[in-house]
PDB file of N, CA and C in Angstrom:
ATOM      1  N   MET A   1      -9.235 -24.655  -8.749  1.00  0.00           N
ATOM      2  CA  MET A   1     -10.304 -23.754  -9.126  1.00  0.00           C
ATOM      3  C   MET A   1     -10.916 -23.067  -7.900  1.00  0.00           C
ATOM      4  N   TYR A   2     -11.083 -23.821  -6.806  1.00  0.00           N
ATOM      5  CA  TYR A   2     -11.675 -23.254  -5.594  1.00  0.00           C
ATOM      6  C   TYR A   2     -10.811 -22.140  -5.021  1.00  0.00           C
ATOM      7  N   TRP A   3      -9.491 -22.316  -5.082  1.00  0.00           N
ATOM      8  CA  TRP A   3      -8.594 -21.294  -4.563  1.00  0.00           C
ATOM      9  C   TRP A   3      -8.645 -20.030  -5.421  1.00  0.00           C
ATOM     10  N   LEU A   4      -8.736 -20.190  -6.718  1.00  0.00           N
ATOM     11  CA  LEU A   4      -8.842 -19.028  -7.599  1.00  0.00           C
ATOM     12  C   LEU A   4     -10.124 -18.248  -7.304  1.00  0.00           C
ATOM     13  N   VAL A   5     -11.223 -18.958  -7.147  1.00  0.00           N
ATOM     14  CA  VAL A   5     -12.496 -18.312  -6.809  1.00  0.00           C
ATOM     15  C   VAL A   5     -12.388 -17.601  -5.467  1.00  0.00           C
ATOM     16  N   LEU A   6     -11.723 -18.212  -4.503  1.00  0.00           N
ATOM     17  CA  LEU A   6     -11.550 -17.589  -3.193  1.00  0.00           C
ATOM     18  C   LEU A   6     -10.732 -16.301  -3.293  1.00  0.00           C
ATOM     19  N   ILE A   7      -9.686 -16.311  -4.075  1.00  0.00           N
ATOM     20  CA  ILE A   7      -8.852 -15.120  -4.250  1.00  0.00           C
ATOM     21  C   ILE A   7      -9.656 -14.000  -4.912  1.00  0.00           C
ATOM     22  N   VAL A   8     -10.392 -14.327  -5.956  1.00  0.00           N
ATOM     23  CA  VAL A   8     -11.222 -13.322  -6.625  1.00  0.00           C
ATOM     24  C   VAL A   8     -12.292 -12.794  -5.665  1.00  0.00           C
ATOM     25  N   SER A   9     -12.840 -13.673  -4.843  1.00  0.00           N
ATOM     26  CA  SER A   9     -13.830 -13.245  -3.847  1.00  0.00           C
ATOM     27  C   SER A   9     -13.215 -12.280  -2.844  1.00  0.00           C
ATOM     28  N   GLY A  10     -11.973 -12.502  -2.479  1.00  0.00           N
ATOM     29  CA  GLY A  10     -11.266 -11.574  -1.600  1.00  0.00           C
ATOM     30  C   GLY A  10     -11.068 -10.216  -2.255  1.00  0.00           C
ATOM     31  N   LEU A  11     -10.825 -10.218  -3.560  1.00  0.00           N
ATOM     32  CA  LEU A  11     -10.721  -8.951  -4.293  1.00  0.00           C
ATOM     33  C   LEU A  11     -12.043  -8.196  -4.242  1.00  0.00           C
ATOM     34  N   PHE A  12     -13.132  -8.936  -4.428  1.00  0.00           N
ATOM     35  CA  PHE A  12     -14.453  -8.308  -4.368  1.00  0.00           C
ATOM     36  C   PHE A  12     -14.796  -7.833  -2.953  1.00  0.00           C
ATOM     37  N   GLU A  13     -14.211  -8.467  -1.946  1.00  0.00           N
ATOM     38  CA  GLU A  13     -14.428  -7.971  -0.584  1.00  0.00           C
ATOM     39  C   GLU A  13     -13.841  -6.568  -0.447  1.00  0.00           C
ATOM     40  N   ALA A  14     -12.665  -6.360  -1.006  1.00  0.00           N
ATOM     41  CA  ALA A  14     -12.060  -5.024  -0.962  1.00  0.00           C
ATOM     42  C   ALA A  14     -12.920  -4.016  -1.727  1.00  0.00           C
ATOM     43  N   VAL A  15     -13.509  -4.452  -2.837  1.00  0.00           N
ATOM     44  CA  VAL A  15     -14.369  -3.560  -3.618  1.00  0.00           C
ATOM     45  C   VAL A  15     -15.599  -3.169  -2.815  1.00  0.00           C
ATOM     46  N   TRP A  16     -16.266  -4.165  -2.199  1.00  0.00           N
ATOM     47  CA  TRP A  16     -17.499  -3.801  -1.475  1.00  0.00           C
ATOM     48  C   TRP A  16     -17.197  -2.976  -0.228  1.00  0.00           C
ATOM     49  N   ALA A  17     -16.084  -3.253   0.426  1.00  0.00           N
ATOM     50  CA  ALA A  17     -15.739  -2.463   1.615  1.00  0.00           C
ATOM     51  C   ALA A  17     -15.460  -1.013   1.238  1.00  0.00           C
ATOM     52  N   THR A  18     -14.732  -0.822   0.156  1.00  0.00           N
ATOM     53  CA  THR A  18     -14.433   0.532  -0.305  1.00  0.00           C
ATOM     54  C   THR A  18     -15.702   1.248  -0.766  1.00  0.00           C
ATOM     55  N   ALA A  19     -16.537   0.538  -1.523  1.00  0.00           N
ATOM     56  CA  ALA A  19     -17.797   1.136  -1.994  1.00  0.00           C
ATOM     57  C   ALA A  19     -18.709   1.497  -0.831  1.00  0.00           C
ATOM     58  N   LEU A  20     -18.720   0.663   0.198  1.00  0.00           N
ATOM     59  CA  LEU A  20     -19.537   0.966   1.372  1.00  0.00           C
ATOM     60  C   LEU A  20     -19.086   2.276   2.006  1.00  0.00           C
ATOM     61  N   GLY A  21     -17.786   2.467   2.114  1.00  0.00           N
ATOM     62  CA  GLY A  21     -17.271   3.707   2.664  1.00  0.00           C
ATOM     63  C   GLY A  21     -17.618   4.917   1.811  1.00  0.00           C
ATOM     64  N   LEU A  22     -17.638   4.732   0.495  1.00  0.00           N
ATOM     65  CA  LEU A  22     -17.952   5.822  -0.424  1.00  0.00           C
ATOM     66  C   LEU A  22     -19.449   6.091  -0.550  1.00  0.00           C
ATOM     67  N   SER A  23     -20.269   5.168  -0.069  1.00  0.00           N
ATOM     68  CA  SER A  23     -21.722   5.284  -0.252  1.00  0.00           C
ATOM     69  C   SER A  23     -22.377   6.277   0.702  1.00  0.00           C
ATOM     70  N   ASP A  24     -21.627   6.753   1.679  1.00  0.00           N
ATOM     71  CA  ASP A  24     -22.153   7.718   2.653  1.00  0.00           C
ATOM     72  C   ASP A  24     -23.416   7.159   3.326  1.00  0.00           C
ATOM     73  N   GLY A  25     -23.242   5.990   3.950  1.00  0.00           N
ATOM     74  CA  GLY A  25     -24.372   5.371   4.650  1.00  0.00           C
ATOM     75  C   GLY A  25     -25.430   4.835   3.702  1.00  0.00           C
ATOM     76  N   LEU A  26     -25.005   4.341   2.556  1.00  0.00           N
ATOM     77  CA  LEU A  26     -25.880   3.809   1.510  1.00  0.00           C
ATOM     78  C   LEU A  26     -26.812   4.875   0.921  1.00  0.00           C
ATOM     79  N   SER A  27     -26.382   6.130   0.982  1.00  0.00           N
ATOM     80  CA  SER A  27     -27.221   7.216   0.461  1.00  0.00           C
ATOM     81  C   SER A  27     -26.819   7.677  -0.940  1.00  0.00           C
ATOM     82  N   LYS A  28     -25.655   7.238  -1.419  1.00  0.00           N
ATOM     83  CA  LYS A  28     -25.217   7.595  -2.777  1.00  0.00           C
ATOM     84  C   LYS A  28     -25.445   6.385  -3.682  1.00  0.00           C
ATOM     85  N   LEU A  29     -26.161   6.606  -4.780  1.00  0.00           N
ATOM     86  CA  LEU A  29     -26.652   5.510  -5.615  1.00  0.00           C
ATOM     87  C   LEU A  29     -25.546   4.638  -6.197  1.00  0.00           C
ATOM     88  N   VAL A  30     -24.598   5.215  -6.913  1.00  0.00           N
ATOM     89  CA  VAL A  30     -23.600   4.403  -7.622  1.00  0.00           C
ATOM     90  C   VAL A  30     -22.746   3.584  -6.652  1.00  0.00           C
ATOM     91  N   PRO A  31     -22.165   4.187  -5.600  1.00  0.00           N
ATOM     92  CA  PRO A  31     -21.401   3.353  -4.671  1.00  0.00           C
ATOM     93  C   PRO A  31     -22.270   2.291  -3.977  1.00  0.00           C
ATOM     94  N   THR A  32     -23.527   2.580  -3.756  1.00  0.00           N
ATOM     95  CA  THR A  32     -24.422   1.605  -3.130  1.00  0.00           C
ATOM     96  C   THR A  32     -24.663   0.425  -4.066  1.00  0.00           C
ATOM     97  N   ILE A  33     -24.853   0.699  -5.339  1.00  0.00           N
ATOM     98  CA  ILE A  33     -25.028  -0.383  -6.324  1.00  0.00           C
ATOM     99  C   ILE A  33     -23.754  -1.218  -6.417  1.00  0.00           C
ATOM    100  N   VAL A  34     -22.600  -0.549  -6.457  1.00  0.00           N
ATOM    101  CA  VAL A  34     -21.316  -1.268  -6.495  1.00  0.00           C
ATOM    102  C   VAL A  34     -21.161  -2.114  -5.235  1.00  0.00           C
ATOM    103  N   PHE A  35     -21.520  -1.556  -4.090  1.00  0.00           N
ATOM    104  CA  PHE A  35     -21.428  -2.286  -2.826  1.00  0.00           C
ATOM    105  C   PHE A  35     -22.225  -3.585  -2.871  1.00  0.00           C
ATOM    106  N   PHE A  36     -23.508  -3.491  -3.212  1.00  0.00           N
ATOM    107  CA  PHE A  36     -24.347  -4.692  -3.196  1.00  0.00           C
ATOM    108  C   PHE A  36     -23.932  -5.697  -4.266  1.00  0.00           C
ATOM    109  N   SER A  37     -23.528  -5.223  -5.436  1.00  0.00           N
ATOM    110  CA  SER A  37     -23.074  -6.137  -6.497  1.00  0.00           C
ATOM    111  C   SER A  37     -21.808  -6.879  -6.077  1.00  0.00           C
ATOM    112  N   ALA A  38     -20.828  -6.137  -5.562  1.00  0.00           N
ATOM    113  CA  ALA A  38     -19.569  -6.759  -5.136  1.00  0.00           C
ATOM    114  C   ALA A  38     -19.798  -7.674  -3.938  1.00  0.00           C
ATOM    115  N   LEU A  39     -20.698  -7.281  -3.042  1.00  0.00           N
ATOM    116  CA  LEU A  39     -21.010  -8.112  -1.875  1.00  0.00           C
ATOM    117  C   LEU A  39     -21.567  -9.465  -2.307  1.00  0.00           C
ATOM    118  N   LEU A  40     -22.504  -9.453  -3.258  1.00  0.00           N
ATOM    119  CA  LEU A  40     -23.077 -10.715  -3.745  1.00  0.00           C
ATOM    120  C   LEU A  40     -22.016 -11.586  -4.408  1.00  0.00           C
ATOM    121  N   LEU A  41     -21.175 -10.978  -5.242  1.00  0.00           N
ATOM    122  CA  LEU A  41     -20.114 -11.754  -5.897  1.00  0.00           C
ATOM    123  C   LEU A  41     -19.117 -12.294  -4.881  1.00  0.00           C
ATOM    124  N   SER A  42     -18.755 -11.478  -3.914  1.00  0.00           N
ATOM    125  CA  SER A  42     -17.784 -11.877  -2.903  1.00  0.00           C
ATOM    126  C   SER A  42     -18.321 -13.018  -2.042  1.00  0.00           C
ATOM    127  N   MET A  43     -19.525 -12.858  -1.543  1.00  0.00           N
ATOM    128  CA  MET A  43     -20.127 -13.894  -0.688  1.00  0.00           C
ATOM    129  C   MET A  43     -20.415 -15.170  -1.472  1.00  0.00           C
ATOM    130  N   GLY A  44     -20.886 -15.001  -2.701  1.00  0.00           N
ATOM    131  CA  GLY A  44     -21.149 -16.180  -3.536  1.00  0.00           C
ATOM    132  C   GLY A  44     -19.888 -16.968  -3.814  1.00  0.00           C
ATOM    133  N   GLY A  45     -18.816 -16.260  -4.108  1.00  0.00           N
ATOM    134  CA  GLY A  45     -17.535 -16.926  -4.352  1.00  0.00           C
ATOM    135  C   GLY A  45     -16.992 -17.593  -3.108  1.00  0.00           C
ATOM    136  N   LEU A  46     -17.143 -16.914  -1.967  1.00  0.00           N
ATOM    137  CA  LEU A  46     -16.703 -17.516  -0.700  1.00  0.00           C
ATOM    138  C   LEU A  46     -17.484 -18.794  -0.423  1.00  0.00           C
ATOM    139  N   ALA A  47     -18.780 -18.736  -0.621  1.00  0.00           N
ATOM    140  CA  ALA A  47     -19.619 -19.924  -0.394  1.00  0.00           C
ATOM    141  C   ALA A  47     -19.193 -21.074  -1.304  1.00  0.00           C
ATOM    142  N   TYR A  48     -18.926 -20.769  -2.568  1.00  0.00           N
ATOM    143  CA  TYR A  48     -18.489 -21.794  -3.512  1.00  0.00           C
ATOM    144  C   TYR A  48     -17.145 -22.383  -3.079  1.00  0.00           C
ATOM    145  N   ALA A  49     -16.206 -21.519  -2.719  1.00  0.00           N
ATOM    146  CA  ALA A  49     -14.876 -21.992  -2.323  1.00  0.00           C
ATOM    147  C   ALA A  49     -14.942 -22.877  -1.093  1.00  0.00           C
ATOM    148  N   MET A  50     -15.885 -22.583  -0.198  1.00  0.00           N
ATOM    149  CA  MET A  50     -16.003 -23.361   1.036  1.00  0.00           C
ATOM    150  C   MET A  50     -16.567 -24.760   0.798  1.00  0.00           C
ATOM    151  N   LYS A  51     -16.963 -25.066  -0.422  1.00  0.00           N
ATOM    152  CA  LYS A  51     -17.354 -26.438  -0.745  1.00  0.00           C
ATOM    153  C   LYS A  51     -16.147 -27.365  -0.669  1.00  0.00           C
ATOM    154  N   GLU A  52     -14.958 -26.815  -0.903  1.00  0.00           N
ATOM    155  CA  GLU A  52     -13.744 -27.630  -0.935  1.00  0.00           C
ATOM    156  C   GLU A  52     -12.690 -27.184   0.076  1.00  0.00           C
ATOM    157  N   ILE A  53     -12.667 -25.905   0.406  1.00  0.00           N
ATOM    158  CA  ILE A  53     -11.671 -25.367   1.336  1.00  0.00           C
ATOM    159  C   ILE A  53     -12.313 -25.270   2.715  1.00  0.00           C
ATOM    160  N   PRO A  54     -11.637 -25.719   3.779  1.00  0.00           N
ATOM    161  CA  PRO A  54     -12.215 -25.642   5.118  1.00  0.00           C
ATOM    162  C   PRO A  54     -12.659 -24.218   5.469  1.00  0.00           C
ATOM    163  N   THR A  55     -13.740 -24.110   6.203  1.00  0.00           N
ATOM    164  CA  THR A  55     -14.348 -22.823   6.522  1.00  0.00           C
ATOM    165  C   THR A  55     -13.370 -21.842   7.151  1.00  0.00           C
ATOM    166  N   GLY A  56     -12.651 -22.259   8.166  1.00  0.00           N
ATOM    167  CA  GLY A  56     -11.718 -21.363   8.851  1.00  0.00           C
ATOM    168  C   GLY A  56     -10.638 -20.838   7.930  1.00  0.00           C
ATOM    169  N   THR A  57     -10.073 -21.707   7.128  1.00  0.00           N
ATOM    170  CA  THR A  57      -9.030 -21.308   6.188  1.00  0.00           C
ATOM    171  C   THR A  57      -9.600 -20.375   5.127  1.00  0.00           C
ATOM    172  N   ALA A  58     -10.747 -20.746   4.564  1.00  0.00           N
ATOM    173  CA  ALA A  58     -11.362 -19.919   3.519  1.00  0.00           C
ATOM    174  C   ALA A  58     -11.683 -18.525   4.043  1.00  0.00           C
ATOM    175  N   CYS A  59     -12.256 -18.457   5.214  1.00  0.00           N
ATOM    176  CA  CYS A  59     -12.642 -17.167   5.780  1.00  0.00           C
ATOM    177  C   CYS A  59     -11.411 -16.316   6.088  1.00  0.00           C
ATOM    178  N   ALA A  60     -10.392 -16.922   6.655  1.00  0.00           N
ATOM    179  CA  ALA A  60      -9.170 -16.180   6.991  1.00  0.00           C
ATOM    180  C   ALA A  60      -8.484 -15.644   5.735  1.00  0.00           C
ATOM    181  N   VAL A  61      -8.414 -16.446   4.700  1.00  0.00           N
ATOM    182  CA  VAL A  61      -7.792 -16.014   3.451  1.00  0.00           C
ATOM    183  C   VAL A  61      -8.617 -14.906   2.811  1.00  0.00           C
ATOM    184  N   TRP A  62      -9.926 -15.069   2.775  1.00  0.00           N
ATOM    185  CA  TRP A  62     -10.844 -14.089   2.192  1.00  0.00           C
ATOM    186  C   TRP A  62     -10.719 -12.736   2.890  1.00  0.00           C
ATOM    187  N   VAL A  63     -10.749 -12.763   4.215  1.00  0.00           N
ATOM    188  CA  VAL A  63     -10.634 -11.527   4.990  1.00  0.00           C
ATOM    189  C   VAL A  63      -9.243 -10.912   4.827  1.00  0.00           C
ATOM    190  N   GLY A  64      -8.216 -11.741   4.843  1.00  0.00           N
ATOM    191  CA  GLY A  64      -6.851 -11.233   4.704  1.00  0.00           C
ATOM    192  C   GLY A  64      -6.638 -10.508   3.382  1.00  0.00           C
ATOM    193  N   ILE A  65      -7.130 -11.094   2.307  1.00  0.00           N
ATOM    194  CA  ILE A  65      -7.004 -10.465   0.993  1.00  0.00           C
ATOM    195  C   ILE A  65      -7.793  -9.158   0.969  1.00  0.00           C
ATOM    196  N   GLY A  66      -9.038  -9.223   1.402  1.00  0.00           N
ATOM    197  CA  GLY A  66      -9.896  -8.037   1.376  1.00  0.00           C
ATOM    198  C   GLY A  66      -9.369  -6.914   2.245  1.00  0.00           C
ATOM    199  N   ALA A  67      -8.962  -7.241   3.449  1.00  0.00           N
ATOM    200  CA  ALA A  67      -8.461  -6.218   4.367  1.00  0.00           C
ATOM    201  C   ALA A  67      -7.172  -5.589   3.853  1.00  0.00           C
ATOM    202  N   SER A  68      -6.266  -6.411   3.365  1.00  0.00           N
ATOM    203  CA  SER A  68      -4.995  -5.890   2.857  1.00  0.00           C
ATOM    204  C   SER A  68      -5.216  -4.940   1.685  1.00  0.00           C
ATOM    205  N   LEU A  69      -6.030  -5.360   0.753  1.00  0.00           N
ATOM    206  CA  LEU A  69      -6.260  -4.528  -0.426  1.00  0.00           C
ATOM    207  C   LEU A  69      -7.023  -3.253  -0.084  1.00  0.00           C
ATOM    208  N   THR A  70      -7.943  -3.332   0.870  1.00  0.00           N
ATOM    209  CA  THR A  70      -8.694  -2.145   1.269  1.00  0.00           C
ATOM    210  C   THR A  70      -7.765  -1.103   1.885  1.00  0.00           C
ATOM    211  N   VAL A  71      -6.865  -1.541   2.752  1.00  0.00           N
ATOM    212  CA  VAL A  71      -5.920  -0.606   3.371  1.00  0.00           C
ATOM    213  C   VAL A  71      -4.961  -0.043   2.327  1.00  0.00           C
ATOM    214  N   VAL A  72      -4.463  -0.880   1.446  1.00  0.00           N
ATOM    215  CA  VAL A  72      -3.547  -0.402   0.407  1.00  0.00           C
ATOM    216  C   VAL A  72      -4.251   0.629  -0.476  1.00  0.00           C
ATOM    217  N   TYR A  73      -5.495   0.353  -0.865  1.00  0.00           N
ATOM    218  CA  TYR A  73      -6.252   1.307  -1.675  1.00  0.00           C
ATOM    219  C   TYR A  73      -6.405   2.647  -0.941  1.00  0.00           C
ATOM    220  N   SER A  74      -6.719   2.572   0.334  1.00  0.00           N
ATOM    221  CA  SER A  74      -6.886   3.793   1.126  1.00  0.00           C
ATOM    222  C   SER A  74      -5.583   4.585   1.212  1.00  0.00           C
ATOM    223  N   MET A  75      -4.473   3.887   1.300  1.00  0.00           N
ATOM    224  CA  MET A  75      -3.185   4.578   1.357  1.00  0.00           C
ATOM    225  C   MET A  75      -2.829   5.179  -0.001  1.00  0.00           C
ATOM    226  N   VAL A  76      -3.089   4.439  -1.076  1.00  0.00           N
ATOM    227  CA  VAL A  76      -2.773   4.933  -2.420  1.00  0.00           C
ATOM    228  C   VAL A  76      -3.600   6.169  -2.765  1.00  0.00           C
ATOM    229  N   THR A  77      -4.857   6.184  -2.339  1.00  0.00           N
ATOM    230  CA  THR A  77      -5.735   7.317  -2.649  1.00  0.00           C
ATOM    231  C   THR A  77      -5.605   8.461  -1.651  1.00  0.00           C
ATOM    232  N   GLY A  78      -4.758   8.307  -0.643  1.00  0.00           N
ATOM    233  CA  GLY A  78      -4.527   9.375   0.312  1.00  0.00           C
ATOM    234  C   GLY A  78      -5.535   9.452   1.445  1.00  0.00           C
ATOM    235  N   GLN A  79      -6.405   8.467   1.559  1.00  0.00           N
ATOM    236  CA  GLN A  79      -7.395   8.461   2.639  1.00  0.00           C
ATOM    237  C   GLN A  79      -6.773   8.062   3.972  1.00  0.00           C
ATOM    238  N   GLU A  80      -5.671   7.343   3.903  1.00  0.00           N
ATOM    239  CA  GLU A  80      -4.933   6.932   5.100  1.00  0.00           C
ATOM    240  C   GLU A  80      -3.461   7.210   4.872  1.00  0.00           C
ATOM    241  N   PRO A  81      -2.748   7.581   5.921  1.00  0.00           N
ATOM    242  CA  PRO A  81      -1.307   7.798   5.748  1.00  0.00           C
ATOM    243  C   PRO A  81      -0.564   6.473   5.556  1.00  0.00           C
ATOM    244  N   VAL A  82       0.488   6.531   4.790  1.00  0.00           N
ATOM    245  CA  VAL A  82       1.362   5.369   4.600  1.00  0.00           C
ATOM    246  C   VAL A  82       2.407   5.414   5.705  1.00  0.00           C
ATOM    247  N   THR A  83       2.473   4.326   6.475  1.00  0.00           N
ATOM    248  CA  THR A  83       3.494   4.239   7.512  1.00  0.00           C
ATOM    249  C   THR A  83       4.237   2.923   7.381  1.00  0.00           C
ATOM    250  N   LEU A  84       5.427   2.904   7.910  1.00  0.00           N
ATOM    251  CA  LEU A  84       6.226   1.682   7.868  1.00  0.00           C
ATOM    252  C   LEU A  84       5.527   0.542   8.595  1.00  0.00           C
ATOM    253  N   LEU A  85       4.964   0.834   9.759  1.00  0.00           N
ATOM    254  CA  LEU A  85       4.291  -0.224  10.518  1.00  0.00           C
ATOM    255  C   LEU A  85       3.082  -0.779   9.777  1.00  0.00           C
ATOM    256  N   LYS A  86       2.304   0.082   9.125  1.00  0.00           N
ATOM    257  CA  LYS A  86       1.165  -0.422   8.338  1.00  0.00           C
ATOM    258  C   LYS A  86       1.652  -1.356   7.238  1.00  0.00           C
ATOM    259  N   MET A  87       2.721  -0.971   6.570  1.00  0.00           N
ATOM    260  CA  MET A  87       3.259  -1.821   5.503  1.00  0.00           C
ATOM    261  C   MET A  87       3.745  -3.157   6.056  1.00  0.00           C
ATOM    262  N   VAL A  88       4.389  -3.133   7.206  1.00  0.00           N
ATOM    263  CA  VAL A  88       4.866  -4.376   7.830  1.00  0.00           C
ATOM    264  C   VAL A  88       3.686  -5.288   8.155  1.00  0.00           C
ATOM    265  N   PHE A  89       2.624  -4.715   8.721  1.00  0.00           N
ATOM    266  CA  PHE A  89       1.477  -5.542   9.099  1.00  0.00           C
ATOM    267  C   PHE A  89       0.704  -6.048   7.883  1.00  0.00           C
ATOM    268  N   ILE A  90       0.633  -5.255   6.832  1.00  0.00           N
ATOM    269  CA  ILE A  90      -0.010  -5.728   5.600  1.00  0.00           C
ATOM    270  C   ILE A  90       0.784  -6.887   5.017  1.00  0.00           C
ATOM    271  N   LEU A  91       2.108  -6.754   5.000  1.00  0.00           N
ATOM    272  CA  LEU A  91       2.942  -7.861   4.516  1.00  0.00           C
ATOM    273  C   LEU A  91       2.773  -9.094   5.397  1.00  0.00           C
ATOM    274  N   GLY A  92       2.569  -8.875   6.695  1.00  0.00           N
ATOM    275  CA  GLY A  92       2.288 -10.000   7.596  1.00  0.00           C
ATOM    276  C   GLY A  92       0.993 -10.701   7.239  1.00  0.00           C
ATOM    277  N   LEU A  93      -0.047  -9.922   6.927  1.00  0.00           N
ATOM    278  CA  LEU A  93      -1.316 -10.516   6.496  1.00  0.00           C
ATOM    279  C   LEU A  93      -1.133 -11.333   5.217  1.00  0.00           C
ATOM    280  N   VAL A  94      -0.427 -10.746   4.271  1.00  0.00           N
ATOM    281  CA  VAL A  94      -0.188 -11.450   3.009  1.00  0.00           C
ATOM    282  C   VAL A  94       0.604 -12.734   3.261  1.00  0.00           C
ATOM    283  N   GLY A  95       1.597 -12.658   4.127  1.00  0.00           N
ATOM    284  CA  GLY A  95       2.371 -13.852   4.473  1.00  0.00           C
ATOM    285  C   GLY A  95       1.512 -14.926   5.115  1.00  0.00           C
ATOM    286  N   CYS A  96       0.599 -14.516   5.966  1.00  0.00           N
ATOM    287  CA  CYS A  96      -0.308 -15.481   6.606  1.00  0.00           C
ATOM    288  C   CYS A  96      -1.236 -16.133   5.583  1.00  0.00           C
ATOM    289  N   VAL A  97      -1.729 -15.354   4.635  1.00  0.00           N
ATOM    290  CA  VAL A  97      -2.587 -15.902   3.564  1.00  0.00           C
ATOM    291  C   VAL A  97      -1.810 -16.930   2.764  1.00  0.00           C
ATOM    292  N   ILE A  98      -0.601 -16.588   2.388  1.00  0.00           N
ATOM    293  CA  ILE A  98       0.238 -17.527   1.629  1.00  0.00           C
ATOM    294  C   ILE A  98       0.517 -18.776   2.459  1.00  0.00           C
ATOM    295  N   GLY A  99       0.798 -18.580   3.750  1.00  0.00           N
ATOM    296  CA  GLY A  99       1.044 -19.720   4.636  1.00  0.00           C
ATOM    297  C   GLY A  99      -0.158 -20.638   4.755  1.00  0.00           C
ATOM    298  N   LEU A 100      -1.353 -20.067   4.875  1.00  0.00           N
ATOM    299  CA  LEU A 100      -2.555 -20.906   4.956  1.00  0.00           C
ATOM    300  C   LEU A 100      -2.748 -21.713   3.681  1.00  0.00           C
ATOM    301  N   LYS A 101      -2.470 -21.113   2.537  1.00  0.00           N
ATOM    302  CA  LYS A 101      -2.568 -21.849   1.273  1.00  0.00           C
ATOM    303  C   LYS A 101      -1.524 -22.964   1.247  1.00  0.00           C
ATOM    304  N   ALA A 102      -0.331 -22.668   1.704  1.00  0.00           N
ATOM    305  CA  ALA A 102       0.765 -23.644   1.649  1.00  0.00           C
ATOM    306  C   ALA A 102       0.498 -24.871   2.512  1.00  0.00           C
ATOM    307  N   VAL A 103      -0.165 -24.678   3.652  1.00  0.00           N
ATOM    308  CA  VAL A 103      -0.386 -25.819   4.554  1.00  0.00           C
ATOM    309  C   VAL A 103      -1.738 -26.501   4.326  1.00  0.00           C
ATOM    310  N   SER A 104      -2.544 -25.976   3.406  1.00  0.00           N
ATOM    311  CA  SER A 104      -3.843 -26.613   3.125  1.00  0.00           C
ATOM    312  C   SER A 104      -3.642 -27.832   2.236  1.00  0.00           C
ATOM    313  N   HIS A 105      -4.533 -28.766   2.385  1.00  0.00           N
ATOM    314  CA  HIS A 105      -4.430 -29.975   1.548  1.00  0.00           C
ATOM    315  C   HIS A 105      -5.616 -30.130   0.673  1.00  0.00           C
TER     316      HIS A 105
END
């Protein structure tokens, strides 16, 4: 259950990061509301997951999921160019997240 909450929290990290970028310095109402809502859910889930998952592992997995999804979203929406190297490094992040889960007890 803790791992599922951590994964969902990582998804919400991508949501709040994207909303923050769309909020234009927290000056646009809807993206700002989405930012703060997703931030609370993301941080709350991370805090809950850290009750059972070691802090370093939880934080690394949370950031890896959020960062990977944020970059992929930016590439899909055309905000960032898609390059082979970016794809390789995103797959590396995903591999590291999977590896951390695999070696956790």
